[in-house]
């Protein structure tokens, strides 16, 4: 009998984390080796348990799941990662795959779909929604359409935008990205220029209300079909 694969669940929302852990624990082939809501816990649990796969939210209590993924990649400690987020897959999925993730799903995916994606990644495959898979194939087969302002953002600009939307200040963003406070000011100026905003408060309001960012007032979106 093959040992159950060890899954680390990383999400800053306790109810989402609990629901995922319960669903994984109820399977015969998977088990939860740990759960975390921030960077420090992830690094400690990884060292102690050596997970086979990480289910990762982009919005953590102490920073960005995206920059955590890059940090693990740079240290040579990255495990297969399934990003599970409410951030718009059409804006984020392809970039997260390039950063090292092996899959990207929206949090409204039924729990059976999340479990299937975990198993698919554990066999060495990529896991995306049908919508995102079709979009990537269509983009590969047809001439590129004009990019939206969000799609024109660089990877670093989008990361800064994401963290602004989560309410992080310049110092916290700089610490997460390993850059100076002044550099974050430069990124914010570029964001305002590309997105058409004149002031920092306008930019931050847009980031918090953007369809690409989560609605923190919404109930936990991961659902099962039972």
Protein backbone atom coordinates (compact mmCIF):
# COMPACT_ATOMS: atom_id res chain seq x y z
CA UNK A 1 0.00 0.00 0.00
CA UNK A 2 1.40 3.36 -1.04
CA UNK A 3 1.82 5.98 1.72
CA UNK A 4 -0.56 8.91 1.69
CA UNK A 5 0.83 12.05 0.10
CA UNK A 6 1.50 14.90 2.54
CA UNK A 7 -0.30 18.17 1.81
CA UNK A 8 0.47 21.54 3.40
CA UNK A 9 -2.52 23.93 3.36
CA UNK A 10 -1.66 27.65 3.41
CA UNK A 11 -4.51 30.17 3.64
CA UNK A 12 -5.16 33.19 5.86
CA UNK A 13 -8.89 32.43 6.19
CA UNK A 14 -9.48 29.90 9.01
CA UNK A 15 -12.76 28.55 7.63
CA UNK A 16 -11.33 27.95 4.17
CA UNK A 17 -8.27 26.29 5.69
CA UNK A 18 -10.42 24.09 7.92
CA UNK A 19 -12.68 23.03 5.05
CA UNK A 20 -9.74 22.09 2.85
CA UNK A 21 -8.05 20.15 5.65
CA UNK A 22 -11.22 18.19 6.42
CA UNK A 23 -11.74 17.29 2.76
CA UNK A 24 -8.11 16.18 2.31
CA UNK A 25 -8.11 14.17 5.55
CA UNK A 26 -11.24 12.29 4.40
CA UNK A 27 -9.41 10.82 1.38
CA UNK A 28 -7.59 7.50 1.32
CA UNK A 29 -4.51 8.75 -0.56
CA UNK A 30 -3.86 12.22 0.89
CA UNK A 31 -3.17 13.59 4.35
CA UNK A 32 -2.64 17.05 5.85
CA UNK A 33 0.88 17.43 7.22
CA UNK A 34 0.28 20.99 8.39
CA UNK A 35 -1.67 24.20 7.95
CA UNK A 36 -0.48 27.80 8.04
CA UNK A 37 -1.67 31.35 7.49
CA UNK A 38 1.71 33.05 6.99
CA UNK A 39 5.32 32.80 5.84
CA UNK A 40 7.00 31.85 9.13
CA UNK A 41 4.69 28.92 9.78
CA UNK A 42 5.13 27.64 6.23
CA UNK A 43 8.91 27.56 6.51
CA UNK A 44 8.78 25.82 9.90
CA UNK A 45 6.26 23.19 8.76
CA UNK A 46 8.16 22.49 5.55
CA UNK A 47 11.35 21.84 7.49
CA UNK A 48 9.55 19.53 9.91
CA UNK A 49 7.29 17.57 7.55
CA UNK A 50 8.68 17.77 3.99
CA UNK A 51 5.28 18.08 2.23
CA UNK A 52 4.65 16.53 -1.18
CA UNK A 53 2.48 19.45 -2.28
CA UNK A 54 1.45 22.90 -1.04
CA UNK A 55 -2.03 24.36 -1.54
CA UNK A 56 -1.30 28.09 -1.46
CA UNK A 57 -3.47 31.20 -1.20
CA UNK A 58 -2.02 34.42 -2.59
CA UNK A 59 -3.16 36.54 0.36
CA UNK A 60 -1.43 35.65 3.62
CA UNK A 61 -1.50 37.39 7.00
CA UNK A 62 2.10 38.56 6.69
CA UNK A 63 2.53 39.04 2.96
CA UNK A 64 2.02 37.52 -0.45
CA UNK A 65 1.84 33.86 -1.38
CA UNK A 66 3.35 34.83 -4.72
CA UNK A 67 6.52 36.19 -3.16
CA UNK A 68 6.65 33.18 -0.81
CA UNK A 69 6.62 30.94 -3.88
CA UNK A 70 9.48 32.97 -5.40
CA UNK A 71 11.39 32.79 -2.10
CA UNK A 72 11.11 29.00 -1.98
CA UNK A 73 12.11 28.77 -5.64
CA UNK A 74 15.21 30.90 -5.05
CA UNK A 75 16.24 28.74 -2.06
CA UNK A 76 15.75 25.53 -4.02
CA UNK A 77 13.05 24.43 -1.57
CA UNK A 78 9.97 24.73 -3.76
CA UNK A 79 7.54 21.81 -3.68
CA UNK A 80 4.73 21.32 -6.22
CA UNK A 81 2.26 24.14 -5.59
CA UNK A 82 -1.45 24.46 -6.33
CA UNK A 83 -2.48 28.10 -6.03
CA UNK A 84 -6.07 28.37 -4.79
CA UNK A 85 -7.21 31.97 -4.85
CA UNK A 86 -10.04 34.39 -5.50
CA UNK A 87 -7.69 36.55 -7.58
CA UNK A 88 -8.77 36.54 -11.24
CA UNK A 89 -7.21 33.53 -12.97
CA UNK A 90 -7.06 35.37 -16.30
CA UNK A 91 -4.77 37.97 -14.72
CA UNK A 92 -2.73 35.77 -12.38
CA UNK A 93 -2.66 32.10 -13.48
CA UNK A 94 -0.11 32.23 -16.27
CA UNK A 95 2.24 34.44 -14.25
CA UNK A 96 2.09 32.11 -11.24
CA UNK A 97 2.88 29.12 -13.47
CA UNK A 98 5.92 30.98 -14.77
CA UNK A 99 6.92 31.68 -11.15
CA UNK A 100 6.93 27.96 -10.40
CA UNK A 101 3.39 26.93 -9.46
CA UNK A 102 2.04 23.71 -11.01
CA UNK A 103 -1.62 24.68 -10.92
CA UNK A 104 -4.06 27.54 -10.39
CA UNK A 105 -7.73 27.32 -9.44
CA UNK A 106 -10.31 29.83 -8.28
CA UNK A 107 -11.75 29.29 -4.82
CA UNK A 108 -15.26 28.73 -6.17
CA UNK A 109 -14.02 25.41 -7.58
CA UNK A 110 -15.94 22.50 -5.99
CA UNK A 111 -13.82 20.60 -3.50
CA UNK A 112 -13.84 17.53 -5.76
CA UNK A 113 -12.14 19.65 -8.42
CA UNK A 114 -9.50 20.82 -5.94
CA UNK A 115 -8.73 17.23 -4.90
CA UNK A 116 -8.53 16.19 -8.55
CA UNK A 117 -6.09 19.03 -9.24
CA UNK A 118 -3.91 17.98 -6.28
CA UNK A 119 -3.74 14.41 -7.59
CA UNK A 120 -3.04 15.62 -11.12
CA UNK A 121 -0.12 17.77 -9.98
CA UNK A 122 1.26 14.89 -7.92
CA UNK A 123 1.51 12.86 -11.15
CA UNK A 124 3.63 15.61 -12.72
CA UNK A 125 0.92 17.38 -14.70
CA UNK A 126 -0.31 20.98 -14.65
CA UNK A 127 -3.77 21.72 -13.26
CA UNK A 128 -5.94 24.59 -14.51
CA UNK A 129 -9.66 25.19 -14.86
CA UNK A 130 -11.32 24.29 -18.17
CA UNK A 131 -11.89 28.00 -18.77
CA UNK A 132 -8.22 28.86 -18.28
CA UNK A 133 -7.00 25.89 -20.32
CA UNK A 134 -9.27 26.90 -23.22
CA UNK A 135 -8.12 30.53 -22.97
CA UNK A 136 -4.43 29.57 -23.12
CA UNK A 137 -5.03 27.32 -26.12
CA UNK A 138 -7.04 30.03 -27.86
CA UNK A 139 -4.34 32.63 -27.20
CA UNK A 140 -1.72 30.26 -28.60
CA UNK A 141 -3.76 29.66 -31.77
CA UNK A 142 -4.87 33.23 -32.54
CA UNK A 143 -3.15 36.62 -32.88
CA UNK A 144 -2.80 38.43 -29.57
CA UNK A 145 -5.57 40.89 -28.78
CA UNK A 146 -4.79 44.30 -27.33
CA UNK A 147 -3.79 43.86 -23.70
CA UNK A 148 -5.91 45.38 -20.95
CA UNK A 149 -4.24 47.84 -18.53
CA UNK A 150 -4.00 45.05 -15.92
CA UNK A 151 -2.38 42.68 -18.42
CA UNK A 152 0.17 45.39 -19.31
CA UNK A 153 1.51 45.48 -15.74
CA UNK A 154 4.90 43.89 -15.16
CA UNK A 155 5.15 41.00 -12.71
CA UNK A 156 6.56 43.25 -9.96
CA UNK A 157 3.92 45.92 -10.60
CA UNK A 158 1.17 43.32 -10.30
CA UNK A 159 2.68 42.00 -7.06
CA UNK A 160 2.75 45.52 -5.59
CA UNK A 161 -0.83 46.06 -6.77
CA UNK A 162 -1.88 42.77 -5.15
CA UNK A 163 -0.35 43.70 -1.81
CA UNK A 164 -1.84 47.21 -1.92
CA UNK A 165 -5.21 45.53 -2.42
CA UNK A 166 -4.57 43.46 0.72
CA UNK A 167 -3.95 46.63 2.73
CA UNK A 168 -0.16 46.38 3.09
CA UNK A 169 1.84 49.60 3.45
CA UNK A 170 5.04 50.55 1.67
CA UNK A 171 7.33 49.09 4.35
CA UNK A 172 5.55 45.72 4.46
CA UNK A 173 5.54 45.50 0.67
CA UNK A 174 9.23 46.42 0.50
CA UNK A 175 10.08 43.78 3.12
CA UNK A 176 8.11 41.12 1.22
CA UNK A 177 9.80 41.90 -2.08
CA UNK A 178 13.26 42.56 -0.65
CA UNK A 179 13.50 46.04 -2.13
CA UNK A 180 13.75 49.57 -0.74
CA UNK A 181 10.88 51.78 0.40
CA UNK A 182 11.82 54.18 -2.42
CA UNK A 183 11.47 51.42 -5.01
CA UNK A 184 7.89 50.74 -3.89
CA UNK A 185 7.15 54.43 -4.42
CA UNK A 186 8.44 54.07 -7.98
CA UNK A 187 6.23 51.04 -8.60
CA UNK A 188 3.20 52.91 -7.26
CA UNK A 189 3.92 55.81 -9.61
CA UNK A 190 4.08 53.39 -12.56
CA UNK A 191 0.82 51.78 -11.47
CA UNK A 192 -0.94 55.14 -11.31
CA UNK A 193 0.34 56.03 -14.77
CA UNK A 194 -0.63 52.70 -16.39
CA UNK A 195 -4.04 52.43 -14.68
CA UNK A 196 -4.93 56.11 -15.06
CA UNK A 197 -5.04 57.24 -11.42
CA UNK A 198 -3.74 60.59 -10.19
CA UNK A 199 -3.31 59.93 -6.47
CA UNK A 200 -2.20 57.10 -4.19
CA UNK A 201 -5.60 56.93 -2.40
CA UNK A 202 -7.31 56.45 -5.77
CA UNK A 203 -4.88 53.65 -6.64
CA UNK A 204 -5.38 51.90 -3.31
CA UNK A 205 -9.16 52.13 -3.57
CA UNK A 206 -9.01 50.67 -7.07
CA UNK A 207 -6.73 47.83 -5.87
CA UNK A 208 -9.11 46.94 -3.02
CA UNK A 209 -12.17 47.00 -5.28
CA UNK A 210 -10.62 45.34 -8.34
CA UNK A 211 -12.23 42.11 -9.67
CA UNK A 212 -8.71 40.67 -9.56
CA UNK A 213 -8.63 41.00 -5.80
CA UNK A 214 -10.60 39.13 -3.13
CA UNK A 215 -13.71 40.38 -1.39
CA UNK A 216 -12.77 39.91 2.27
CA UNK A 217 -16.41 40.29 3.34
CA UNK A 218 -17.47 37.25 1.32
CA UNK A 219 -17.94 33.85 2.97
CA UNK A 220 -15.33 31.15 2.36
CA UNK A 221 -15.84 30.16 -1.29
CA UNK A 222 -14.47 26.60 -1.46
CA UNK A 223 -17.46 24.29 -1.67
CA UNK A 224 -18.16 20.61 -1.81
CA UNK A 225 -20.87 18.86 -3.76
CA UNK A 226 -22.44 16.57 -1.22
